[in-house]
């Protein structure tokens, strides 16, 4: 459920053309769960290979005839061995300097917003945001401006989907959105 990547350069990414539509909610519970399971599988596959997406959002998730496709790994972070990381240090610093913020504001984990080092848990947080949106049609953390969105993510308790989903799914989604 991850699009094919054919080439990556210092300022470009070449990936397969995927025909589909952006994930949008609210979706019926059974459809949202089916898509969420596929999305979780795609994230597991990436994380197993040491890749953190860092920009998971509905615009980067398409539904196709064959299911979900996760796109745009342009901000992805790749885990490396110490030897490989040392030789690649200059490139990594140029792309994502320590303290820089990368991603899409409404789907960013608190540590991303603070410019801290991120790992797969940032994708889990974004997954929770996307799941909430699939179930409710609303953003999990929203506000009138960037400052209020940041404040909501940093301080507000995770929203609930108890009105549209079983308690166990509400618990799992809120667990994904833990600070």
C-alpha atoms as a PDB file:
ATOM      1  CA  UNK A   1       0.000   0.000   0.000  1.00  0.00           C
ATOM      2  CA  UNK A   2       2.962   2.312  -0.631  1.00  0.00           C
ATOM      3  CA  UNK A   3       3.506   3.916  -4.013  1.00  0.00           C
ATOM      4  CA  UNK A   4       6.588   2.903  -5.967  1.00  0.00           C
ATOM      5  CA  UNK A   5       9.534   5.291  -5.853  1.00  0.00           C
ATOM      6  CA  UNK A   6      11.788   5.211  -8.891  1.00  0.00           C
ATOM      7  CA  UNK A   7      14.339   7.911  -8.175  1.00  0.00           C
ATOM      8  CA  UNK A   8      15.256  10.375  -5.439  1.00  0.00           C
ATOM      9  CA  UNK A   9      17.512  13.365  -5.848  1.00  0.00           C
ATOM     10  CA  UNK A  10      18.525  16.404  -3.826  1.00  0.00           C
ATOM     11  CA  UNK A  11      15.465  18.362  -4.949  1.00  0.00           C
ATOM     12  CA  UNK A  12      13.140  15.826  -6.590  1.00  0.00           C
ATOM     13  CA  UNK A  13      11.245  12.575  -6.055  1.00  0.00           C
ATOM     14  CA  UNK A  14      10.042  10.362  -8.911  1.00  0.00           C
ATOM     15  CA  UNK A  15       7.191   8.028  -8.017  1.00  0.00           C
ATOM     16  CA  UNK A  16       4.521   6.044  -9.807  1.00  0.00           C
ATOM     17  CA  UNK A  17       1.381   7.752 -11.022  1.00  0.00           C
ATOM     18  CA  UNK A  18      -1.482   6.608  -8.811  1.00  0.00           C
ATOM     19  CA  UNK A  19      -5.039   7.075  -9.961  1.00  0.00           C
ATOM     20  CA  UNK A  20      -7.348   7.490  -6.998  1.00  0.00           C
ATOM     21  CA  UNK A  21      -9.066   9.923  -4.707  1.00  0.00           C
ATOM     22  CA  UNK A  22      -7.908  11.575  -1.505  1.00  0.00           C
ATOM     23  CA  UNK A  23      -9.199   9.967   1.662  1.00  0.00           C
ATOM     24  CA  UNK A  24     -12.069  12.061   3.047  1.00  0.00           C
ATOM     25  CA  UNK A  25     -14.470  11.556   5.895  1.00  0.00           C
ATOM     26  CA  UNK A  26     -16.846  11.010   7.361  1.00  0.00           C
ATOM     27  CA  UNK A  27     -16.850   7.439   6.147  1.00  0.00           C
ATOM     28  CA  UNK A  28     -19.043   4.557   7.291  1.00  0.00           C
ATOM     29  CA  UNK A  29     -17.349   2.722  10.164  1.00  0.00           C
ATOM     30  CA  UNK A  30     -16.680  -0.482   8.195  1.00  0.00           C
ATOM     31  CA  UNK A  31     -15.113   1.422   5.289  1.00  0.00           C
ATOM     32  CA  UNK A  32     -13.004   3.610   7.617  1.00  0.00           C
ATOM     33  CA  UNK A  33     -11.741   0.505   9.432  1.00  0.00           C
ATOM     34  CA  UNK A  34     -10.845  -1.293   6.188  1.00  0.00           C
ATOM     35  CA  UNK A  35      -8.870   1.727   4.966  1.00  0.00           C
ATOM     36  CA  UNK A  36      -7.256   2.282   8.388  1.00  0.00           C
ATOM     37  CA  UNK A  37      -6.047  -1.338   8.465  1.00  0.00           C
ATOM     38  CA  UNK A  38      -4.448  -0.914   5.025  1.00  0.00           C
ATOM     39  CA  UNK A  39      -2.903   2.400   6.084  1.00  0.00           C
ATOM     40  CA  UNK A  40      -1.523   0.829   9.272  1.00  0.00           C
ATOM     41  CA  UNK A  41      -0.046  -1.979   7.169  1.00  0.00           C
ATOM     42  CA  UNK A  42       1.677   0.541   4.894  1.00  0.00           C
ATOM     43  CA  UNK A  43       3.128   2.364   7.897  1.00  0.00           C
ATOM     44  CA  UNK A  44       4.289  -0.914   9.423  1.00  0.00           C
ATOM     45  CA  UNK A  45       6.054  -1.819   6.170  1.00  0.00           C
ATOM     46  CA  UNK A  46       7.809   1.560   6.047  1.00  0.00           C
ATOM     47  CA  UNK A  47       8.707   1.528   9.736  1.00  0.00           C
ATOM     48  CA  UNK A  48      10.095  -2.015   9.487  1.00  0.00           C
ATOM     49  CA  UNK A  49      12.497  -0.728   6.837  1.00  0.00           C
ATOM     50  CA  UNK A  50      13.521   2.214   9.038  1.00  0.00           C
ATOM     51  CA  UNK A  51      11.469   4.842   7.187  1.00  0.00           C
ATOM     52  CA  UNK A  52       9.394   7.476   8.986  1.00  0.00           C
ATOM     53  CA  UNK A  53       7.012   9.321   6.610  1.00  0.00           C
ATOM     54  CA  UNK A  54       6.737  12.575   8.647  1.00  0.00           C
ATOM     55  CA  UNK A  55       3.998  14.076   6.450  1.00  0.00           C
ATOM     56  CA  UNK A  56       1.119  11.612   6.694  1.00  0.00           C
ATOM     57  CA  UNK A  57      -2.126  13.434   5.873  1.00  0.00           C
ATOM     58  CA  UNK A  58      -5.246  12.780   3.781  1.00  0.00           C
ATOM     59  CA  UNK A  59      -3.715  14.474   0.716  1.00  0.00           C
ATOM     60  CA  UNK A  60      -0.898  11.889   0.803  1.00  0.00           C
ATOM     61  CA  UNK A  61      -3.264   8.922   1.054  1.00  0.00           C
ATOM     62  CA  UNK A  62      -5.263   7.900  -2.001  1.00  0.00           C
ATOM     63  CA  UNK A  63      -7.992   5.301  -2.240  1.00  0.00           C
ATOM     64  CA  UNK A  64      -7.676   3.281  -5.426  1.00  0.00           C
ATOM     65  CA  UNK A  65      -9.444   0.291  -6.928  1.00  0.00           C
ATOM     66  CA  UNK A  66      -6.959  -1.933  -5.098  1.00  0.00           C
ATOM     67  CA  UNK A  67      -7.134  -0.051  -1.785  1.00  0.00           C
ATOM     68  CA  UNK A  68      -5.051   2.586  -0.016  1.00  0.00           C
ATOM     69  CA  UNK A  69      -1.815   3.993  -1.458  1.00  0.00           C
ATOM     70  CA  UNK A  70       0.481   6.143   0.685  1.00  0.00           C
ATOM     71  CA  UNK A  71       2.271   8.795  -1.368  1.00  0.00           C
ATOM     72  CA  UNK A  72       4.917  11.481  -1.070  1.00  0.00           C
ATOM     73  CA  UNK A  73       7.845  10.352   1.025  1.00  0.00           C
ATOM     74  CA  UNK A  74       9.574  13.649   0.249  1.00  0.00           C
ATOM     75  CA  UNK A  75       9.992  14.506   3.944  1.00  0.00           C
ATOM     76  CA  UNK A  76      10.715  10.932   5.025  1.00  0.00           C
ATOM     77  CA  UNK A  77      13.443  10.184   7.523  1.00  0.00           C
ATOM     78  CA  UNK A  78      15.564   7.122   6.878  1.00  0.00           C
ATOM     79  CA  UNK A  79      17.341   5.331   9.728  1.00  0.00           C
ATOM     80  CA  UNK A  80      20.930   4.511   8.886  1.00  0.00           C
ATOM     81  CA  UNK A  81      23.868   2.747  10.389  1.00  0.00           C
ATOM     82  CA  UNK A  82      26.379   5.047  12.092  1.00  0.00           C
ATOM     83  CA  UNK A  83      28.917   4.613   9.254  1.00  0.00           C
ATOM     84  CA  UNK A  84      26.367   5.437   6.559  1.00  0.00           C
ATOM     85  CA  UNK A  85      24.996   8.323   8.589  1.00  0.00           C
ATOM     86  CA  UNK A  86      28.467   9.839   9.008  1.00  0.00           C
ATOM     87  CA  UNK A  87      29.070   9.906   5.252  1.00  0.00           C
ATOM     88  CA  UNK A  88      25.595  11.288   4.610  1.00  0.00           C
ATOM     89  CA  UNK A  89      25.592  13.837   7.444  1.00  0.00           C
ATOM     90  CA  UNK A  90      25.903  16.892   5.190  1.00  0.00           C
ATOM     91  CA  UNK A  91      22.910  15.928   3.039  1.00  0.00           C
ATOM     92  CA  UNK A  92      20.751  15.133   6.061  1.00  0.00           C
ATOM     93  CA  UNK A  93      21.551  18.444   7.725  1.00  0.00           C
ATOM     94  CA  UNK A  94      20.713  20.341   4.548  1.00  0.00           C
ATOM     95  CA  UNK A  95      17.298  18.691   4.312  1.00  0.00           C
ATOM     96  CA  UNK A  96      16.228  18.719   7.940  1.00  0.00           C
ATOM     97  CA  UNK A  97      18.392  20.712  10.272  1.00  0.00           C
ATOM     98  CA  UNK A  98      17.957  20.075  13.948  1.00  0.00           C
ATOM     99  CA  UNK A  99      15.292  22.410  15.257  1.00  0.00           C
ATOM    100  CA  UNK A 100      13.540  22.711  11.887  1.00  0.00           C
ATOM    101  CA  UNK A 101       9.853  21.914  11.540  1.00  0.00           C
ATOM    102  CA  UNK A 102       8.785  19.663   8.662  1.00  0.00           C
ATOM    103  CA  UNK A 103       5.321  18.336   7.891  1.00  0.00           C
ATOM    104  CA  UNK A 104       1.757  19.617   7.628  1.00  0.00           C
ATOM    105  CA  UNK A 105       0.701  21.548  10.711  1.00  0.00           C
ATOM    106  CA  UNK A 106      -2.682  19.900  11.468  1.00  0.00           C
ATOM    107  CA  UNK A 107      -1.160  16.386  11.365  1.00  0.00           C
ATOM    108  CA  UNK A 108       2.156  17.010  13.124  1.00  0.00           C
ATOM    109  CA  UNK A 109       3.097  15.312  16.365  1.00  0.00           C
ATOM    110  CA  UNK A 110       4.054  17.539  19.302  1.00  0.00           C
ATOM    111  CA  UNK A 111       7.747  16.684  18.943  1.00  0.00           C
ATOM    112  CA  UNK A 112       7.655  17.738  15.275  1.00  0.00           C
ATOM    113  CA  UNK A 113       6.123  21.073  16.234  1.00  0.00           C
ATOM    114  CA  UNK A 114       8.906  21.597  18.735  1.00  0.00           C
ATOM    115  CA  UNK A 115      11.603  20.812  16.150  1.00  0.00           C
ATOM    116  CA  UNK A 116      12.758  17.782  18.125  1.00  0.00           C
ATOM    117  CA  UNK A 117      14.060  14.536  16.671  1.00  0.00           C
ATOM    118  CA  UNK A 118      11.188  12.373  15.449  1.00  0.00           C
ATOM    119  CA  UNK A 119      10.732   8.661  14.994  1.00  0.00           C
ATOM    120  CA  UNK A 120       7.904   6.331  13.989  1.00  0.00           C
ATOM    121  CA  UNK A 121       5.752   7.613  16.847  1.00  0.00           C
ATOM    122  CA  UNK A 122       5.245  10.843  14.886  1.00  0.00           C
ATOM    123  CA  UNK A 123       3.625   8.779  12.115  1.00  0.00           C
ATOM    124  CA  UNK A 124       1.437   7.026  14.700  1.00  0.00           C
ATOM    125  CA  UNK A 125       0.222  10.438  15.908  1.00  0.00           C
ATOM    126  CA  UNK A 126      -0.518  11.496  12.310  1.00  0.00           C
ATOM    127  CA  UNK A 127      -2.313   8.181  11.744  1.00  0.00           C
ATOM    128  CA  UNK A 128      -4.554   9.005  14.728  1.00  0.00           C
ATOM    129  CA  UNK A 129      -5.324  12.413  13.210  1.00  0.00           C
ATOM    130  CA  UNK A 130      -6.191  10.824   9.856  1.00  0.00           C
ATOM    131  CA  UNK A 131      -8.330   8.128  11.515  1.00  0.00           C
ATOM    132  CA  UNK A 132     -10.253  10.784  13.445  1.00  0.00           C
ATOM    133  CA  UNK A 133     -10.866  12.670  10.205  1.00  0.00           C
ATOM    134  CA  UNK A 134     -11.996   9.503   8.396  1.00  0.00           C
ATOM    135  CA  UNK A 135     -14.547   8.816  11.129  1.00  0.00           C
ATOM    136  CA  UNK A 136     -15.825  12.358  11.764  1.00  0.00           C
ATOM    137  CA  UNK A 137     -15.052  14.442   8.675  1.00  0.00           C
ATOM    138  CA  UNK A 138     -13.345  17.001  10.947  1.00  0.00           C
ATOM    139  CA  UNK A 139      -9.729  17.596  11.886  1.00  0.00           C
ATOM    140  CA  UNK A 140      -8.648  16.259  15.257  1.00  0.00           C
ATOM    141  CA  UNK A 141      -6.860  19.502  16.130  1.00  0.00           C
ATOM    142  CA  UNK A 142      -8.006  22.653  14.382  1.00  0.00           C
ATOM    143  CA  UNK A 143      -8.028  26.356  15.007  1.00  0.00           C
ATOM    144  CA  UNK A 144      -8.514  29.771  13.463  1.00  0.00           C
ATOM    145  CA  UNK A 145      -4.799  30.225  12.775  1.00  0.00           C
ATOM    146  CA  UNK A 146      -1.470  28.406  12.971  1.00  0.00           C
ATOM    147  CA  UNK A 147      -0.863  29.443  16.585  1.00  0.00           C
ATOM    148  CA  UNK A 148      -4.203  28.048  17.754  1.00  0.00           C
ATOM    149  CA  UNK A 149      -3.631  24.760  15.878  1.00  0.00           C
ATOM    150  CA  UNK A 150      -0.206  24.406  17.508  1.00  0.00           C
ATOM    151  CA  UNK A 151      -1.701  25.182  20.930  1.00  0.00           C
ATOM    152  CA  UNK A 152      -4.454  22.592  20.379  1.00  0.00           C
ATOM    153  CA  UNK A 153      -1.962  19.869  19.448  1.00  0.00           C
ATOM    154  CA  UNK A 154       0.384  20.719  22.309  1.00  0.00           C
ATOM    155  CA  UNK A 155      -2.185  21.195  25.064  1.00  0.00           C
ATOM    156  CA  UNK A 156      -5.626  19.856  24.209  1.00  0.00           C
ATOM    157  CA  UNK A 157      -6.667  16.341  25.124  1.00  0.00           C
ATOM    158  CA  UNK A 158      -7.150  13.982  22.191  1.00  0.00           C
ATOM    159  CA  UNK A 159     -10.686  14.157  20.806  1.00  0.00           C
ATOM    160  CA  UNK A 160     -13.093  11.256  21.033  1.00  0.00           C
ATOM    161  CA  UNK A 161     -14.937   9.284  18.365  1.00  0.00           C
ATOM    162  CA  UNK A 162     -17.182   7.562  20.926  1.00  0.00           C
ATOM    163  CA  UNK A 163     -20.320   8.910  19.208  1.00  0.00           C
ATOM    164  CA  UNK A 164     -19.510   7.188  15.898  1.00  0.00           C
ATOM    165  CA  UNK A 165     -17.298   4.238  16.841  1.00  0.00           C
ATOM    166  CA  UNK A 166     -17.001   1.496  19.462  1.00  0.00           C
ATOM    167  CA  UNK A 167     -15.205   2.296  22.713  1.00  0.00           C
ATOM    168  CA  UNK A 168     -12.224   0.097  21.783  1.00  0.00           C
ATOM    169  CA  UNK A 169     -11.638   2.054  18.570  1.00  0.00           C
ATOM    170  CA  UNK A 170     -11.998   5.325  20.470  1.00  0.00           C
ATOM    171  CA  UNK A 171      -9.382   4.072  22.962  1.00  0.00           C
ATOM    172  CA  UNK A 172      -6.994   3.009  20.169  1.00  0.00           C
ATOM    173  CA  UNK A 173      -7.324   6.305  18.297  1.00  0.00           C
ATOM    174  CA  UNK A 174      -6.822   8.353  21.463  1.00  0.00           C
ATOM    175  CA  UNK A 175      -3.777   6.203  22.277  1.00  0.00           C
ATOM    176  CA  UNK A 176      -2.320   7.151  18.863  1.00  0.00           C
ATOM    177  CA  UNK A 177      -2.891  10.823  19.760  1.00  0.00           C
ATOM    178  CA  UNK A 178      -1.197  10.724  23.156  1.00  0.00           C
ATOM    179  CA  UNK A 179       1.352  13.481  23.645  1.00  0.00           C
END
